[in-house]
């Protein structure tokens, strides 16, 4: 079986996840990195949050939760 992808076929990792590569402007990259560092998110999680924010969709955890205490066991 060939390892070449057919047109339109998404590349996958061994875990079955999709890879998406894109180029972004420096200001976008810095915003993504900021979210990743401050909220312990993956790059895809940070981008997902920014897209939801841009289109006026409600935030997902951890952005929809207000911290009650610093010793919470959630998340």
PDB file of N, CA and C in Angstrom:
ATOM      1  N   UNK A   1       0.841  -1.178   0.000  1.00  0.00           N
ATOM      2  CA  UNK A   1       0.000   0.000   0.000  1.00  0.00           C
ATOM      3  C   UNK A   1       0.887   1.243   0.000  1.00  0.00           C
ATOM      4  N   UNK A   2       0.578   2.185  -0.825  1.00  0.00           N
ATOM      5  CA  UNK A   2       1.373   3.398  -0.963  1.00  0.00           C
ATOM      6  C   UNK A   2       1.142   4.327   0.222  1.00  0.00           C
ATOM      7  N   UNK A   3       2.197   5.036   0.620  1.00  0.00           N
ATOM      8  CA  UNK A   3       2.060   5.997   1.712  1.00  0.00           C
ATOM      9  C   UNK A   3       1.703   7.384   1.192  1.00  0.00           C
ATOM     10  N   UNK A   4       1.543   7.520  -0.111  1.00  0.00           N
ATOM     11  CA  UNK A   4       1.182   8.816  -0.690  1.00  0.00           C
ATOM     12  C   UNK A   4      -0.289   9.098  -0.441  1.00  0.00           C
ATOM     13  N   UNK A   5      -0.587  10.362  -0.201  1.00  0.00           N
ATOM     14  CA  UNK A   5      -1.975  10.758   0.022  1.00  0.00           C
ATOM     15  C   UNK A   5      -2.655  11.071  -1.299  1.00  0.00           C
ATOM     16  N   UNK A   6      -3.926  10.771  -1.358  1.00  0.00           N
ATOM     17  CA  UNK A   6      -4.722  11.163  -2.515  1.00  0.00           C
ATOM     18  C   UNK A   6      -5.149  12.618  -2.357  1.00  0.00           C
ATOM     19  N   UNK A   7      -5.503  13.254  -3.445  1.00  0.00           N
ATOM     20  CA  UNK A   7      -5.942  14.647  -3.419  1.00  0.00           C
ATOM     21  C   UNK A   7      -7.103  14.804  -2.440  1.00  0.00           C
ATOM     22  N   UNK A   8      -7.011  15.778  -1.557  1.00  0.00           N
ATOM     23  CA  UNK A   8      -8.067  16.061  -0.602  1.00  0.00           C
ATOM     24  C   UNK A   8      -8.045  15.194   0.644  1.00  0.00           C
ATOM     25  N   UNK A   9      -7.190  14.201   0.678  1.00  0.00           N
ATOM     26  CA  UNK A   9      -7.107  13.328   1.847  1.00  0.00           C
ATOM     27  C   UNK A   9      -6.322  14.037   2.941  1.00  0.00           C
ATOM     28  N   UNK A  10      -6.849  13.998   4.151  1.00  0.00           N
ATOM     29  CA  UNK A  10      -6.203  14.670   5.268  1.00  0.00           C
ATOM     30  C   UNK A  10      -5.064  13.816   5.814  1.00  0.00           C
ATOM     31  N   UNK A  11      -3.917  14.433   6.096  1.00  0.00           N
ATOM     32  CA  UNK A  11      -2.850  13.662   6.744  1.00  0.00           C
ATOM     33  C   UNK A  11      -3.263  13.313   8.171  1.00  0.00           C
ATOM     34  N   UNK A  12      -2.852  12.166   8.657  1.00  0.00           N
ATOM     35  CA  UNK A  12      -3.191  11.744  10.017  1.00  0.00           C
ATOM     36  C   UNK A  12      -1.935  11.276  10.743  1.00  0.00           C
ATOM     37  N   UNK A  13      -1.949  11.501  12.024  1.00  0.00           N
ATOM     38  CA  UNK A  13      -0.887  10.940  12.849  1.00  0.00           C
ATOM     39  C   UNK A  13      -1.272   9.506  13.187  1.00  0.00           C
ATOM     40  N   UNK A  14      -0.391   8.795  13.830  1.00  0.00           N
ATOM     41  CA  UNK A  14      -0.697   7.415  14.218  1.00  0.00           C
ATOM     42  C   UNK A  14      -1.852   7.361  15.212  1.00  0.00           C
ATOM     43  N   UNK A  15      -2.066   8.424  15.949  1.00  0.00           N
ATOM     44  CA  UNK A  15      -3.155   8.465  16.927  1.00  0.00           C
ATOM     45  C   UNK A  15      -4.488   8.789  16.257  1.00  0.00           C
ATOM     46  N   UNK A  16      -4.481   9.061  14.953  1.00  0.00           N
ATOM     47  CA  UNK A  16      -5.719   9.361  14.251  1.00  0.00           C
ATOM     48  C   UNK A  16      -6.103  10.822  14.239  1.00  0.00           C
ATOM     49  N   UNK A  17      -5.232  11.678  14.695  1.00  0.00           N
ATOM     50  CA  UNK A  17      -5.543  13.106  14.703  1.00  0.00           C
ATOM     51  C   UNK A  17      -5.119  13.730  13.386  1.00  0.00           C
ATOM     52  N   UNK A  18      -5.767  14.825  13.050  1.00  0.00           N
ATOM     53  CA  UNK A  18      -5.451  15.536  11.812  1.00  0.00           C
ATOM     54  C   UNK A  18      -4.374  16.578  12.077  1.00  0.00           C
ATOM     55  N   UNK A  19      -3.551  16.820  11.084  1.00  0.00           N
ATOM     56  CA  UNK A  19      -2.570  17.898  11.127  1.00  0.00           C
ATOM     57  C   UNK A  19      -3.044  18.991  10.184  1.00  0.00           C
ATOM     58  N   UNK A  20      -3.025  20.225  10.647  1.00  0.00           N
ATOM     59  CA  UNK A  20      -3.347  21.359   9.798  1.00  0.00           C
ATOM     60  C   UNK A  20      -2.177  22.319   9.904  1.00  0.00           C
ATOM     61  N   UNK A  21      -1.621  22.669   8.771  1.00  0.00           N
ATOM     62  CA  UNK A  21      -0.520  23.619   8.758  1.00  0.00           C
ATOM     63  C   UNK A  21      -0.991  24.888   8.075  1.00  0.00           C
ATOM     64  N   UNK A  22      -0.617  26.007   8.639  1.00  0.00           N
ATOM     65  CA  UNK A  22      -0.989  27.286   8.057  1.00  0.00           C
ATOM     66  C   UNK A  22       0.069  28.321   8.425  1.00  0.00           C
ATOM     67  N   UNK A  23       0.092  29.378   7.666  1.00  0.00           N
ATOM     68  CA  UNK A  23       0.969  30.493   7.985  1.00  0.00           C
ATOM     69  C   UNK A  23       0.105  31.608   8.544  1.00  0.00           C
ATOM     70  N   UNK A  24       0.583  32.235   9.603  1.00  0.00           N
ATOM     71  CA  UNK A  24      -0.143  33.349  10.203  1.00  0.00           C
ATOM     72  C   UNK A  24       0.812  34.519  10.387  1.00  0.00           C
ATOM     73  N   UNK A  25       0.218  35.682  10.515  1.00  0.00           N
ATOM     74  CA  UNK A  25       1.025  36.868  10.769  1.00  0.00           C
ATOM     75  C   UNK A  25       1.591  36.795  12.177  1.00  0.00           C
ATOM     76  N   UNK A  26       2.643  37.550  12.400  1.00  0.00           N
ATOM     77  CA  UNK A  26       3.330  37.532  13.685  1.00  0.00           C
ATOM     78  C   UNK A  26       2.399  37.882  14.837  1.00  0.00           C
ATOM     79  N   UNK A  27       1.504  38.860  14.650  1.00  0.00           N
ATOM     80  CA  UNK A  27       0.605  39.242  15.741  1.00  0.00           C
ATOM     81  C   UNK A  27      -0.330  38.098  16.125  1.00  0.00           C
ATOM     82  N   UNK A  28      -0.774  37.317  15.156  1.00  0.00           N
ATOM     83  CA  UNK A  28      -1.630  36.166  15.438  1.00  0.00           C
ATOM     84  C   UNK A  28      -0.828  35.092  16.168  1.00  0.00           C
ATOM     85  N   UNK A  29       0.370  34.823  15.695  1.00  0.00           N
ATOM     86  CA  UNK A  29       1.230  33.821  16.329  1.00  0.00           C
ATOM     87  C   UNK A  29       1.491  34.189  17.791  1.00  0.00           C
ATOM     88  N   UNK A  30       1.780  35.458  18.045  1.00  0.00           N
ATOM     89  CA  UNK A  30       2.056  35.890  19.409  1.00  0.00           C
ATOM     90  C   UNK A  30       0.827  35.746  20.299  1.00  0.00           C
ATOM     91  N   UNK A  31      -0.350  36.027  19.756  1.00  0.00           N
ATOM     92  CA  UNK A  31      -1.594  35.867  20.530  1.00  0.00           C
ATOM     93  C   UNK A  31      -1.851  34.391  20.851  1.00  0.00           C
ATOM     94  N   UNK A  32      -1.618  33.515  19.877  1.00  0.00           N
ATOM     95  CA  UNK A  32      -1.781  32.076  20.101  1.00  0.00           C
ATOM     96  C   UNK A  32      -0.805  31.605  21.176  1.00  0.00           C
ATOM     97  N   UNK A  33       0.462  32.014  21.070  1.00  0.00           N
ATOM     98  CA  UNK A  33       1.463  31.623  22.073  1.00  0.00           C
ATOM     99  C   UNK A  33       1.086  32.134  23.464  1.00  0.00           C
ATOM    100  N   UNK A  34       0.565  33.365  23.527  1.00  0.00           N
ATOM    101  CA  UNK A  34       0.148  33.937  24.809  1.00  0.00           C
ATOM    102  C   UNK A  34      -0.950  33.086  25.449  1.00  0.00           C
ATOM    103  N   UNK A  35      -1.960  32.724  24.668  1.00  0.00           N
ATOM    104  CA  UNK A  35      -3.033  31.877  25.192  1.00  0.00           C
ATOM    105  C   UNK A  35      -2.503  30.516  25.627  1.00  0.00           C
ATOM    106  N   UNK A  36      -1.613  29.948  24.832  1.00  0.00           N
ATOM    107  CA  UNK A  36      -1.036  28.643  25.165  1.00  0.00           C
ATOM    108  C   UNK A  36      -0.331  28.690  26.519  1.00  0.00           C
ATOM    109  N   UNK A  37       0.459  29.709  26.732  1.00  0.00           N
ATOM    110  CA  UNK A  37       1.246  29.811  27.959  1.00  0.00           C
ATOM    111  C   UNK A  37       0.402  30.158  29.177  1.00  0.00           C
ATOM    112  N   UNK A  38      -0.518  31.109  29.025  1.00  0.00           N
ATOM    113  CA  UNK A  38      -1.307  31.557  30.171  1.00  0.00           C
ATOM    114  C   UNK A  38      -2.386  30.571  30.588  1.00  0.00           C
ATOM    115  N   UNK A  39      -2.864  29.757  29.667  1.00  0.00           N
ATOM    116  CA  UNK A  39      -3.970  28.851  29.982  1.00  0.00           C
ATOM    117  C   UNK A  39      -3.609  27.385  29.806  1.00  0.00           C
ATOM    118  N   UNK A  40      -2.322  27.105  29.606  1.00  0.00           N
ATOM    119  CA  UNK A  40      -1.834  25.739  29.442  1.00  0.00           C
ATOM    120  C   UNK A  40      -2.612  24.996  28.349  1.00  0.00           C
ATOM    121  N   UNK A  41      -2.729  25.621  27.180  1.00  0.00           N
ATOM    122  CA  UNK A  41      -3.453  25.048  26.049  1.00  0.00           C
ATOM    123  C   UNK A  41      -2.488  24.553  24.986  1.00  0.00           C
ATOM    124  N   UNK A  42      -2.967  23.644  24.167  1.00  0.00           N
ATOM    125  CA  UNK A  42      -2.225  23.258  22.969  1.00  0.00           C
ATOM    126  C   UNK A  42      -2.412  24.370  21.942  1.00  0.00           C
ATOM    127  N   UNK A  43      -1.635  24.335  20.880  1.00  0.00           N
ATOM    128  CA  UNK A  43      -1.795  25.326  19.811  1.00  0.00           C
ATOM    129  C   UNK A  43      -3.193  25.223  19.217  1.00  0.00           C
ATOM    130  N   UNK A  44      -3.678  24.004  18.997  1.00  0.00           N
ATOM    131  CA  UNK A  44      -5.006  23.854  18.408  1.00  0.00           C
ATOM    132  C   UNK A  44      -6.088  24.346  19.362  1.00  0.00           C
ATOM    133  N   UNK A  45      -5.887  24.154  20.670  1.00  0.00           N
ATOM    134  CA  UNK A  45      -6.851  24.656  21.642  1.00  0.00           C
ATOM    135  C   UNK A  45      -6.907  26.175  21.647  1.00  0.00           C
ATOM    136  N   UNK A  46      -5.750  26.813  21.549  1.00  0.00           N
ATOM    137  CA  UNK A  46      -5.696  28.274  21.523  1.00  0.00           C
ATOM    138  C   UNK A  46      -6.347  28.822  20.255  1.00  0.00           C
ATOM    139  N   UNK A  47      -6.050  28.207  19.118  1.00  0.00           N
ATOM    140  CA  UNK A  47      -6.652  28.651  17.856  1.00  0.00           C
ATOM    141  C   UNK A  47      -8.154  28.427  17.888  1.00  0.00           C
ATOM    142  N   UNK A  48      -8.587  27.284  18.417  1.00  0.00           N
ATOM    143  CA  UNK A  48     -10.016  26.988  18.528  1.00  0.00           C
ATOM    144  C   UNK A  48     -10.712  28.071  19.349  1.00  0.00           C
ATOM    145  N   UNK A  49     -10.109  28.458  20.473  1.00  0.00           N
ATOM    146  CA  UNK A  49     -10.693  29.505  21.308  1.00  0.00           C
ATOM    147  C   UNK A  49     -10.796  30.829  20.548  1.00  0.00           C
ATOM    148  N   UNK A  50      -9.729  31.206  19.856  1.00  0.00           N
ATOM    149  CA  UNK A  50      -9.747  32.466  19.112  1.00  0.00           C
ATOM    150  C   UNK A  50     -10.810  32.457  18.015  1.00  0.00           C
ATOM    151  N   UNK A  51     -10.981  31.329  17.340  1.00  0.00           N
ATOM    152  CA  UNK A  51     -12.016  31.238  16.305  1.00  0.00           C
ATOM    153  C   UNK A  51     -13.408  31.359  16.914  1.00  0.00           C
ATOM    154  N   UNK A  52     -13.658  30.674  18.019  1.00  0.00           N
ATOM    155  CA  UNK A  52     -14.968  30.765  18.678  1.00  0.00           C
ATOM    156  C   UNK A  52     -15.223  32.205  19.121  1.00  0.00           C
ATOM    157  N   UNK A  53     -14.203  32.841  19.680  1.00  0.00           N
ATOM    158  CA  UNK A  53     -14.315  34.223  20.135  1.00  0.00           C
ATOM    159  C   UNK A  53     -14.647  35.148  18.967  1.00  0.00           C
ATOM    160  N   UNK A  54     -13.968  34.957  17.857  1.00  0.00           N
ATOM    161  CA  UNK A  54     -14.157  35.805  16.671  1.00  0.00           C
ATOM    162  C   UNK A  54     -15.563  35.703  16.102  1.00  0.00           C
ATOM    163  N   UNK A  55     -16.136  34.491  16.139  1.00  0.00           N
ATOM    164  CA  UNK A  55     -17.459  34.287  15.564  1.00  0.00           C
ATOM    165  C   UNK A  55     -18.582  34.397  16.583  1.00  0.00           C
ATOM    166  N   UNK A  56     -18.268  34.895  17.769  1.00  0.00           N
ATOM    167  CA  UNK A  56     -19.287  35.152  18.775  1.00  0.00           C
ATOM    168  C   UNK A  56     -19.888  33.902  19.395  1.00  0.00           C
ATOM    169  N   UNK A  57     -19.168  32.793  19.333  1.00  0.00           N
ATOM    170  CA  UNK A  57     -19.652  31.554  19.937  1.00  0.00           C
ATOM    171  C   UNK A  57     -19.283  31.528  21.416  1.00  0.00           C
ATOM    172  N   UNK A  58     -20.076  30.863  22.237  1.00  0.00           N
ATOM    173  CA  UNK A  58     -19.752  30.815  23.664  1.00  0.00           C
ATOM    174  C   UNK A  58     -18.438  30.077  23.907  1.00  0.00           C
ATOM    175  N   UNK A  59     -17.684  30.517  24.896  1.00  0.00           N
ATOM    176  CA  UNK A  59     -16.395  29.879  25.174  1.00  0.00           C
ATOM    177  C   UNK A  59     -16.566  28.485  25.767  1.00  0.00           C
ATOM    178  N   UNK A  60     -15.556  27.670  25.571  1.00  0.00           N
ATOM    179  CA  UNK A  60     -15.492  26.332  26.154  1.00  0.00           C
ATOM    180  C   UNK A  60     -14.537  26.361  27.340  1.00  0.00           C
ATOM    181  N   UNK A  61     -14.542  25.327  28.193  1.00  0.00           N
ATOM    182  CA  UNK A  61     -13.599  25.305  29.316  1.00  0.00           C
ATOM    183  C   UNK A  61     -12.167  25.453  28.823  1.00  0.00           C
ATOM    184  N   UNK A  62     -11.321  26.138  29.502  1.00  0.00           N
ATOM    185  CA  UNK A  62     -11.484  26.721  30.827  1.00  0.00           C
ATOM    186  C   UNK A  62     -12.011  28.148  30.802  1.00  0.00           C
ATOM    187  N   UNK A  63     -12.334  28.688  29.644  1.00  0.00           N
ATOM    188  CA  UNK A  63     -12.711  30.095  29.527  1.00  0.00           C
ATOM    189  C   UNK A  63     -14.130  30.382  29.992  1.00  0.00           C
ATOM    190  N   UNK A  64     -14.981  29.370  30.118  1.00  0.00           N
ATOM    191  CA  UNK A  64     -16.350  29.598  30.555  1.00  0.00           C
ATOM    192  C   UNK A  64     -16.513  29.374  32.050  1.00  0.00           C
ATOM    193  N   UNK A  65     -15.427  29.126  32.739  1.00  0.00           N
ATOM    194  CA  UNK A  65     -15.487  28.857  34.171  1.00  0.00           C
ATOM    195  C   UNK A  65     -14.768  29.957  34.929  1.00  0.00           C
ATOM    196  N   UNK A  66     -15.388  30.388  36.009  1.00  0.00           N
ATOM    197  CA  UNK A  66     -14.765  31.400  36.855  1.00  0.00           C
ATOM    198  C   UNK A  66     -14.111  30.690  38.032  1.00  0.00           C
ATOM    199  N   UNK A  67     -12.826  30.910  38.236  1.00  0.00           N
ATOM    200  CA  UNK A  67     -12.153  30.221  39.347  1.00  0.00           C
ATOM    201  C   UNK A  67     -12.750  30.618  40.689  1.00  0.00           C
ATOM    202  N   UNK A  68     -13.046  29.632  41.509  1.00  0.00           N
ATOM    203  CA  UNK A  68     -13.606  29.875  42.830  1.00  0.00           C
ATOM    204  C   UNK A  68     -12.500  29.918  43.866  1.00  0.00           C
ATOM    205  N   UNK A  69     -11.526  29.020  43.734  1.00  0.00           N
ATOM    206  CA  UNK A  69     -10.393  29.009  44.654  1.00  0.00           C
ATOM    207  C   UNK A  69      -9.145  28.591  43.899  1.00  0.00           C
ATOM    208  N   UNK A  70      -8.013  28.831  44.495  1.00  0.00           N
ATOM    209  CA  UNK A  70      -6.758  28.488  43.831  1.00  0.00           C
ATOM    210  C   UNK A  70      -6.398  27.026  44.004  1.00  0.00           C
ATOM    211  N   UNK A  71      -7.086  26.313  44.922  1.00  0.00           N
ATOM    212  CA  UNK A  71      -6.768  24.906  45.131  1.00  0.00           C
ATOM    213  C   UNK A  71      -7.838  23.980  44.549  1.00  0.00           C
ATOM    214  N   UNK A  72      -8.480  24.411  43.495  1.00  0.00           N
ATOM    215  CA  UNK A  72      -9.493  23.599  42.824  1.00  0.00           C
ATOM    216  C   UNK A  72      -8.850  22.387  42.170  1.00  0.00           C
ATOM    217  N   UNK A  73      -9.569  21.269  42.158  1.00  0.00           N
ATOM    218  CA  UNK A  73      -9.048  20.056  41.533  1.00  0.00           C
ATOM    219  C   UNK A  73      -9.555  19.887  40.117  1.00  0.00           C
ATOM    220  N   UNK A  74     -10.318  20.839  39.609  1.00  0.00           N
ATOM    221  CA  UNK A  74     -10.870  20.735  38.258  1.00  0.00           C
ATOM    222  C   UNK A  74      -9.878  21.224  37.222  1.00  0.00           C
ATOM    223  N   UNK A  75      -9.924  20.587  36.016  1.00  0.00           N
ATOM    224  CA  UNK A  75      -9.262  21.030  34.836  1.00  0.00           C
ATOM    225  C   UNK A  75      -7.829  20.925  34.725  1.00  0.00           C
TER     226      UNK A  75
END
